[in-house]
């Protein structure tokens, strides 16, 4: 098949998360002989990146990359797409690409700065192509993308205009109630990384005949260091917790750091970067057991996880999948996660972690897992042995292609 992945952010010009999924899925599809094209905009990334350093990313030459950003006016065009939903999109680079190239499968990911309101309708010109959307975040139902209201709580009712202003985001005046149902009517299937994400979309009025669960996936070599002496926990002089992700307030790191005052014998190592890093470093001032690791590549983050006593996911907003938790669990590392969004699904699927609802509970769970070797062993064993098959690359890609085949009216593909 000739496949087109479309996302505002990708590879070096991305913040992780959805881009990592696209990379892994595209690599796997390419290895099976499919002709994979990836469309993204470096200008969209430049518009919102701030001081974010670029990620490391290696794309095999057989995957065709289309960067539709431009140095001249590219950021202004990305802002236009955000503010209008993509007015005039058919005259932009993406419109011309879709007009001149026929694809068998078109998969939309994060299209917030590519004209998501207009883009699905534009795909009607690709009459024979299967069209998918993955809801990596909540952008279709939430202008802030994270379902995080007024910068302080999970969204409990629509108040998008005031929320945008209070959150210092430009409001999108084109949004109307249930606009997404019209926009997504030309899409063959909507994929959700978790049951909780699907339910949140449905609670906000999403109606679509084909909605499927398709969580994140782990590359075939993800657990390659499982028996490596380099990363053996016993080789470390001090035990440590890990927390990782983009350093933004919504991830809740600011709730975690002060707890390390109570645990002088444990370290906290935080991987990632982002706009809240200055605040987080200020909170950690004087805490010699808190370390910032910066932005790590695939191998470095895996080694860091491998040596941890536990991975802590303190996210305040409802995560749509929780890739950090899934990656840690698959390595046999217990996870302590907030009881919100998709995180309980991951913990319950593996029995490899603990959940908390308050910061007091979090502190208690951290102390338990730091001191109780039997608890650590049980959670570690469960995490390593009960990983859902759908997270694995081979099983995930097989399920993905089976879905596409069913939408094309064909037999299952492998």
Protein backbone atom coordinates (compact mmCIF):
# COMPACT_ATOMS: atom_id res chain seq x y z
CA UNK A 1 0.00 0.00 0.00
CA UNK A 2 0.94 3.61 -0.46
CA UNK A 3 0.44 5.16 2.96
CA UNK A 4 0.42 8.80 4.05
CA UNK A 5 0.81 9.81 7.71
CA UNK A 6 -0.12 13.46 8.34
CA UNK A 7 0.81 15.35 11.52
CA UNK A 8 1.68 18.90 12.51
CA UNK A 9 4.76 17.64 14.35
CA UNK A 10 7.15 14.84 13.51
CA UNK A 11 10.68 13.60 14.17
CA UNK A 12 13.13 16.29 15.19
CA UNK A 13 10.34 18.82 14.85
CA UNK A 14 8.14 17.34 17.56
CA UNK A 15 7.62 17.00 21.29
CA UNK A 16 7.40 13.20 21.42
CA UNK A 17 4.19 11.26 22.11
CA UNK A 18 2.25 11.23 18.84
CA UNK A 19 5.45 11.55 16.80
CA UNK A 20 6.98 8.53 18.52
CA UNK A 21 3.90 6.49 17.61
CA UNK A 22 4.11 7.63 13.96
CA UNK A 23 7.81 6.78 13.83
CA UNK A 24 7.33 3.30 15.24
CA UNK A 25 4.28 2.47 13.14
CA UNK A 26 5.86 3.85 9.96
CA UNK A 27 9.09 1.90 10.49
CA UNK A 28 7.13 -1.31 11.02
CA UNK A 29 4.92 -0.77 7.96
CA UNK A 30 7.94 0.10 5.82
CA UNK A 31 9.71 -3.09 6.88
CA UNK A 32 6.69 -5.02 5.63
CA UNK A 33 7.12 -3.48 2.19
CA UNK A 34 4.60 -0.64 2.29
CA UNK A 35 5.41 2.70 0.66
CA UNK A 36 5.20 5.12 3.60
CA UNK A 37 5.06 8.91 3.28
CA UNK A 38 5.04 11.27 6.28
CA UNK A 39 3.79 14.85 6.01
CA UNK A 40 4.61 17.39 8.72
CA UNK A 41 5.42 21.09 9.10
CA UNK A 42 8.65 22.32 10.65
CA UNK A 43 7.03 25.77 10.66
CA UNK A 44 4.24 24.51 12.90
CA UNK A 45 6.87 23.24 15.33
CA UNK A 46 8.82 26.51 15.18
CA UNK A 47 5.64 28.43 16.00
CA UNK A 48 5.20 26.72 19.37
CA UNK A 49 8.58 25.21 20.30
CA UNK A 50 9.96 28.11 22.35
CA UNK A 51 13.40 27.04 23.61
CA UNK A 52 12.65 23.32 23.19
CA UNK A 53 15.68 21.50 21.73
CA UNK A 54 15.05 19.21 18.80
CA UNK A 55 14.67 15.49 19.44
CA UNK A 56 17.03 12.95 17.97
CA UNK A 57 15.33 10.93 15.27
CA UNK A 58 16.58 8.50 12.64
CA UNK A 59 14.30 7.88 9.67
CA UNK A 60 15.24 5.15 7.16
CA UNK A 61 15.67 6.45 3.61
CA UNK A 62 12.85 4.33 2.22
CA UNK A 63 10.32 6.43 4.18
CA UNK A 64 9.49 9.61 2.24
CA UNK A 65 9.33 12.78 4.35
CA UNK A 66 7.39 15.83 3.16
CA UNK A 67 8.15 18.92 5.24
CA UNK A 68 5.47 21.39 4.13
CA UNK A 69 6.80 24.18 6.31
CA UNK A 70 8.70 27.10 4.84
CA UNK A 71 11.12 29.73 6.07
CA UNK A 72 9.15 32.54 4.45
CA UNK A 73 5.80 32.97 6.13
CA UNK A 74 5.63 29.38 7.38
CA UNK A 75 4.87 30.24 11.01
CA UNK A 76 2.26 32.77 9.94
CA UNK A 77 0.57 30.12 7.79
CA UNK A 78 0.56 27.64 10.71
CA UNK A 79 -1.05 30.31 12.89
CA UNK A 80 -3.60 31.00 10.14
CA UNK A 81 -4.52 27.32 10.02
CA UNK A 82 -4.93 27.30 13.80
CA UNK A 83 -7.15 30.38 13.79
CA UNK A 84 -9.30 29.47 10.79
CA UNK A 85 -9.25 25.68 10.92
CA UNK A 86 -7.53 25.58 7.52
CA UNK A 87 -9.32 28.11 5.32
CA UNK A 88 -7.72 27.97 1.87
CA UNK A 89 -6.00 24.67 2.68
CA UNK A 90 -6.46 23.32 -0.85
CA UNK A 91 -4.11 26.06 -2.10
CA UNK A 92 -1.40 25.24 0.43
CA UNK A 93 1.42 22.69 0.01
CA UNK A 94 -0.59 19.97 1.71
CA UNK A 95 -3.52 20.55 -0.62
CA UNK A 96 -1.29 20.31 -3.70
CA UNK A 97 0.36 17.12 -2.38
CA UNK A 98 -2.99 15.43 -1.88
CA UNK A 99 -4.18 16.60 -5.28
CA UNK A 100 -1.24 15.16 -7.22
CA UNK A 101 -0.57 11.96 -5.23
CA UNK A 102 -2.94 9.01 -4.87
CA UNK A 103 -2.68 7.09 -1.59
CA UNK A 104 -4.27 3.82 -0.48
CA UNK A 105 -4.32 4.86 3.17
CA UNK A 106 -4.28 8.34 4.73
CA UNK A 107 -3.85 8.51 8.50
CA UNK A 108 -4.35 11.84 10.32
CA UNK A 109 -2.63 12.31 13.66
CA UNK A 110 -2.08 15.71 15.30
CA UNK A 111 -3.42 18.15 12.69
CA UNK A 112 -4.07 21.14 14.98
CA UNK A 113 -1.77 23.44 12.97
CA UNK A 114 -2.42 21.93 9.55
CA UNK A 115 -6.08 22.89 9.20
CA UNK A 116 -7.94 20.09 10.95
CA UNK A 117 -11.38 21.56 10.35
CA UNK A 118 -10.99 21.57 6.57
CA UNK A 119 -8.56 18.70 6.06
CA UNK A 120 -11.01 15.76 6.40
CA UNK A 121 -13.27 17.27 3.74
CA UNK A 122 -10.26 17.79 1.48
CA UNK A 123 -9.57 14.05 1.68
CA UNK A 124 -12.76 13.37 -0.24
CA UNK A 125 -10.65 13.92 -3.37
CA UNK A 126 -8.84 10.69 -2.39
CA UNK A 127 -11.96 8.65 -3.09
CA UNK A 128 -10.37 5.18 -3.03
CA UNK A 129 -8.17 5.76 0.06
CA UNK A 130 -8.99 4.47 3.53
CA UNK A 131 -8.98 7.45 5.91
CA UNK A 132 -8.12 7.16 9.60
CA UNK A 133 -7.81 9.57 12.51
CA UNK A 134 -6.01 8.79 15.76
CA UNK A 135 -7.02 10.94 18.73
CA UNK A 136 -3.60 11.21 20.35
CA UNK A 137 -4.95 14.13 22.38
CA UNK A 138 -8.28 15.91 22.85
CA UNK A 139 -7.88 18.59 20.17
CA UNK A 140 -11.03 17.66 18.27
CA UNK A 141 -13.14 18.40 21.35
CA UNK A 142 -10.78 20.74 23.27
CA UNK A 143 -8.88 23.72 21.82
CA UNK A 144 -6.27 23.27 24.59
CA UNK A 145 -5.72 19.65 23.45
CA UNK A 146 -5.21 18.31 27.01
CA UNK A 147 -8.77 18.56 28.36
CA UNK A 148 -7.35 20.83 31.06
CA UNK A 149 -9.60 23.75 32.01
CA UNK A 150 -8.43 27.23 33.04
CA UNK A 151 -4.96 25.80 33.59
CA UNK A 152 -6.02 24.17 36.87
CA UNK A 153 -8.46 21.25 36.52
CA UNK A 154 -9.81 18.51 34.26
CA UNK A 155 -12.49 19.97 32.00
CA UNK A 156 -15.93 19.47 33.50
CA UNK A 157 -18.04 21.53 31.06
CA UNK A 158 -17.47 23.42 27.82
CA UNK A 159 -16.25 27.00 28.33
CA UNK A 160 -13.74 27.09 25.50
CA UNK A 161 -13.66 30.85 24.91
CA UNK A 162 -13.00 31.86 28.50
CA UNK A 163 -10.65 28.90 28.97
CA UNK A 164 -8.56 30.00 25.97
CA UNK A 165 -8.29 33.56 27.25
CA UNK A 166 -7.39 32.51 30.81
CA UNK A 167 -4.86 30.01 29.44
CA UNK A 168 -3.31 32.72 27.24
CA UNK A 169 -4.18 30.92 24.03
CA UNK A 170 -5.73 32.61 20.98
CA UNK A 171 -9.39 31.54 20.82
CA UNK A 172 -10.58 29.66 17.74
CA UNK A 173 -13.76 31.49 16.76
CA UNK A 174 -14.63 28.94 14.07
CA UNK A 175 -15.33 26.22 16.61
CA UNK A 176 -18.99 25.42 17.04
CA UNK A 177 -20.63 22.78 19.19
CA UNK A 178 -20.28 19.33 17.58
CA UNK A 179 -18.30 20.74 14.63
CA UNK A 180 -16.10 17.65 14.80
CA UNK A 181 -18.96 15.33 13.86
CA UNK A 182 -19.35 17.10 10.55
CA UNK A 183 -15.59 17.30 9.96
CA UNK A 184 -15.03 13.61 10.75
CA UNK A 185 -17.99 12.30 8.76
CA UNK A 186 -15.71 11.62 5.77
CA UNK A 187 -13.27 9.59 7.93
CA UNK A 188 -13.60 5.79 7.79
CA UNK A 189 -12.53 5.11 11.38
CA UNK A 190 -11.48 6.99 14.48
CA UNK A 191 -8.84 5.30 16.63
CA UNK A 192 -8.39 5.91 20.35
CA UNK A 193 -5.32 5.04 22.44
CA UNK A 194 -7.47 4.02 25.42
CA UNK A 195 -11.02 3.29 26.54
CA UNK A 196 -11.07 6.37 28.75
CA UNK A 197 -10.19 8.62 25.81
CA UNK A 198 -13.00 7.15 23.74
CA UNK A 199 -15.45 7.69 26.58
CA UNK A 200 -14.40 11.33 27.06
CA UNK A 201 -14.91 11.99 23.34
CA UNK A 202 -18.30 10.33 23.45
CA UNK A 203 -19.28 12.34 26.53
CA UNK A 204 -18.66 15.51 24.50
CA UNK A 205 -20.97 14.35 21.73
CA UNK A 206 -18.78 12.43 19.29
CA UNK A 207 -20.90 10.25 17.04
CA UNK A 208 -19.18 8.06 14.46
CA UNK A 209 -20.07 4.59 13.10
CA UNK A 210 -16.52 3.22 13.40
CA UNK A 211 -14.63 3.83 16.62
CA UNK A 212 -11.80 1.47 17.58
CA UNK A 213 -9.23 1.04 20.32
CA UNK A 214 -5.64 1.19 19.07
CA UNK A 215 -3.15 1.94 21.89
CA UNK A 216 0.48 2.91 21.56
CA UNK A 217 3.08 0.39 20.51
CA UNK A 218 6.55 -0.56 21.62
CA UNK A 219 9.28 -1.27 19.05
CA UNK A 220 10.46 -4.84 18.63
CA UNK A 221 13.82 -4.05 20.28
CA UNK A 222 12.44 -2.06 23.23
CA UNK A 223 13.39 -4.65 25.88
CA UNK A 224 16.78 -5.41 24.29
CA UNK A 225 18.62 -4.38 27.47
CA UNK A 226 16.53 -6.62 29.74
CA UNK A 227 19.59 -8.65 30.84
CA UNK A 228 22.26 -6.01 30.38
CA UNK A 229 24.76 -5.72 33.25
CA UNK A 230 25.17 -2.07 32.31
CA UNK A 231 21.69 -1.32 33.55
CA UNK A 232 21.36 -3.80 36.40
CA UNK A 233 19.74 -2.16 39.42
CA UNK A 234 22.26 -3.73 41.76
CA UNK A 235 25.14 -1.84 40.10
CA UNK A 236 23.82 1.53 41.30
CA UNK A 237 25.00 3.08 44.56
CA UNK A 238 21.66 4.80 45.22
CA UNK A 239 18.12 3.78 44.36
CA UNK A 240 16.10 6.22 42.33
CA UNK A 241 12.68 7.01 40.97
CA UNK A 242 12.19 8.21 37.39
CA UNK A 243 9.65 10.62 36.00
CA UNK A 244 9.69 11.55 32.33
CA UNK A 245 7.84 13.59 29.74
CA UNK A 246 7.51 17.12 28.45
CA UNK A 247 8.09 19.52 31.31
CA UNK A 248 4.73 21.28 31.44
CA UNK A 249 2.51 22.07 34.42
CA UNK A 250 -0.13 19.59 33.29
CA UNK A 251 2.30 16.70 33.79
CA UNK A 252 2.34 17.36 37.55
CA UNK A 253 6.10 17.27 38.18
CA UNK A 254 5.71 20.26 40.50
CA UNK A 255 3.61 18.08 42.81
CA UNK A 256 6.30 15.39 42.90
CA UNK A 257 9.52 17.32 43.48
CA UNK A 258 8.75 18.63 47.02
CA UNK A 259 8.16 15.05 48.23
CA UNK A 260 11.83 14.28 47.84
CA UNK A 261 12.50 16.34 50.97
CA UNK A 262 11.00 13.41 52.87
CA UNK A 263 13.15 10.79 51.11
CA UNK A 264 16.83 11.76 51.45
CA UNK A 265 17.95 8.18 50.73
CA UNK A 266 16.22 8.09 47.32
CA UNK A 267 16.91 10.09 44.17
CA UNK A 268 14.44 11.46 41.67
CA UNK A 269 15.67 11.66 38.08
CA UNK A 270 13.51 13.69 35.70
CA UNK A 271 13.93 13.19 31.95
CA UNK A 272 12.61 15.72 29.46
CA UNK A 273 12.47 19.42 28.77
CA UNK A 274 9.81 22.04 28.28
CA UNK A 275 8.48 25.45 29.28
CA UNK A 276 8.06 24.59 32.97
CA UNK A 277 11.69 23.56 33.42
CA UNK A 278 12.75 26.85 35.05
CA UNK A 279 9.95 26.59 37.62
CA UNK A 280 10.74 22.95 38.34
CA UNK A 281 14.44 23.69 38.83
CA UNK A 282 13.52 26.43 41.28
CA UNK A 283 11.36 23.97 43.23
CA UNK A 284 14.30 21.53 43.29
CA UNK A 285 16.79 24.12 44.51
CA UNK A 286 18.63 22.74 47.50
CA UNK A 287 17.33 19.21 46.92
CA UNK A 288 20.49 17.29 46.09
CA UNK A 289 18.50 14.12 45.41
CA UNK A 290 16.64 15.63 42.44
CA UNK A 291 18.40 15.47 39.06
CA UNK A 292 17.31 16.78 35.67
CA UNK A 293 18.50 14.49 32.88
CA UNK A 294 17.40 16.65 29.94
CA UNK A 295 16.05 15.35 26.65
CA UNK A 296 17.18 11.74 26.19
CA UNK A 297 17.25 9.56 23.10
CA UNK A 298 15.63 6.14 22.74
CA UNK A 299 18.52 4.16 24.21
CA UNK A 300 19.29 6.56 27.05
CA UNK A 301 15.73 6.70 28.32
CA UNK A 302 15.52 2.92 28.18
CA UNK A 303 18.71 2.59 30.27
CA UNK A 304 17.41 5.15 32.75
CA UNK A 305 14.13 3.27 33.13
CA UNK A 306 15.90 -0.06 33.47
CA UNK A 307 17.74 1.01 36.62
CA UNK A 308 14.78 2.65 38.39
CA UNK A 309 13.03 1.45 41.53
CA UNK A 310 9.78 2.80 40.03
CA UNK A 311 8.52 5.17 37.37
CA UNK A 312 6.21 7.90 38.64
CA UNK A 313 3.53 9.40 36.40
CA UNK A 314 1.93 12.33 38.29
CA UNK A 315 -0.04 13.75 35.34
CA UNK A 316 -2.86 16.09 36.33
CA UNK A 317 -4.77 15.88 33.06
CA UNK A 318 -6.28 12.63 31.72
CA UNK A 319 -3.50 11.02 29.68
CA UNK A 320 -4.79 9.46 26.47
CA UNK A 321 -2.36 6.53 26.69
CA UNK A 322 0.59 7.06 29.02
CA UNK A 323 3.54 5.99 26.88
CA UNK A 324 6.06 6.47 29.69
CA UNK A 325 4.08 4.10 31.90
CA UNK A 326 3.72 1.49 29.14
CA UNK A 327 7.44 1.62 28.32
CA UNK A 328 8.40 1.21 31.96
CA UNK A 329 5.97 -1.62 32.62
CA UNK A 330 7.22 -3.52 29.57
CA UNK A 331 10.72 -3.43 31.05
CA UNK A 332 9.47 -4.88 34.33
CA UNK A 333 9.65 -1.56 36.19
CA UNK A 334 6.78 -0.85 38.60
CA UNK A 335 4.78 2.31 37.91
CA UNK A 336 3.15 4.66 40.41
CA UNK A 337 0.49 6.64 38.51
CA UNK A 338 -2.31 9.05 39.19
CA UNK A 339 -5.71 7.40 39.11
CA UNK A 340 -6.89 9.40 36.10
CA UNK A 341 -7.42 9.02 32.36
CA UNK A 342 -5.84 5.98 30.74
CA UNK A 343 -3.32 5.31 33.51
CA UNK A 344 -5.59 2.99 35.57
CA UNK A 345 -6.15 0.94 32.39
CA UNK A 346 -2.41 0.38 32.01
CA UNK A 347 -1.91 -0.50 35.67
CA UNK A 348 -4.92 -2.83 35.77
CA UNK A 349 -3.91 -4.53 32.52
CA UNK A 350 -0.54 -5.53 33.95
CA UNK A 351 -0.97 -5.51 37.76
CA UNK A 352 2.47 -3.90 37.63
CA UNK A 353 1.94 -0.72 39.57
CA UNK A 354 0.15 1.38 42.16
CA UNK A 355 -2.41 4.16 41.76
CA UNK A 356 -2.91 7.31 43.83
CA UNK A 357 -5.56 10.01 44.08
CA UNK A 358 -3.77 12.54 46.26
CA UNK A 359 -0.23 13.72 46.92
CA UNK A 360 -0.34 12.14 50.40
CA UNK A 361 -1.16 8.79 48.79
CA UNK A 362 1.65 9.30 46.29
CA UNK A 363 4.17 9.89 49.07
CA UNK A 364 2.95 6.76 50.84
CA UNK A 365 3.22 4.64 47.68
CA UNK A 366 6.74 5.92 47.04
CA UNK A 367 7.84 5.01 50.56
CA UNK A 368 6.26 1.56 50.28
CA UNK A 369 7.95 0.66 47.03
CA UNK A 370 11.29 2.11 48.17
CA UNK A 371 11.39 -0.02 51.33
CA UNK A 372 9.43 -3.19 50.54
CA UNK A 373 11.47 -5.56 48.39
CA UNK A 374 8.68 -8.15 48.26
CA UNK A 375 6.21 -5.58 46.92
CA UNK A 376 8.78 -4.39 44.40
CA UNK A 377 9.42 -7.96 43.24
CA UNK A 378 5.74 -8.81 42.83
CA UNK A 379 4.99 -5.66 40.85
CA UNK A 380 8.10 -6.07 38.71
CA UNK A 381 7.22 -9.68 37.86
CA UNK A 382 3.62 -8.78 37.01
CA UNK A 383 4.70 -5.85 34.85
CA UNK A 384 7.15 -7.97 32.86
CA UNK A 385 4.84 -10.93 32.32
CA UNK A 386 1.38 -9.43 31.75
CA UNK A 387 2.04 -6.89 29.00
CA UNK A 388 -0.94 -6.74 26.58
CA UNK A 389 -0.10 -8.20 23.18
CA UNK A 390 -1.49 -5.16 21.39
CA UNK A 391 1.42 -3.06 22.72
CA UNK A 392 3.94 -5.22 20.87
CA UNK A 393 4.97 -4.09 17.41
CA UNK A 394 4.08 -7.29 15.57
CA UNK A 395 0.64 -7.74 17.12
CA UNK A 396 -0.18 -4.03 16.85
CA UNK A 397 0.71 -3.78 13.17
CA UNK A 398 -1.24 -6.95 12.41
CA UNK A 399 -4.34 -5.50 14.12
CA UNK A 400 -3.81 -2.19 12.32
CA UNK A 401 -3.62 -3.79 8.88
CA UNK A 402 -6.56 -6.04 9.65
CA UNK A 403 -8.66 -2.95 10.43
CA UNK A 404 -7.54 -1.26 7.20
CA UNK A 405 -8.33 -4.40 5.20
CA UNK A 406 -11.81 -4.56 6.71
CA UNK A 407 -12.43 -0.94 5.77
CA UNK A 408 -11.31 -1.70 2.22
CA UNK A 409 -13.62 -4.68 2.12
CA UNK A 410 -10.74 -7.13 1.83
CA UNK A 411 -9.56 -10.18 3.74
CA UNK A 412 -7.14 -9.72 6.63
CA UNK A 413 -3.61 -8.69 5.72
CA UNK A 414 -0.44 -9.65 7.56
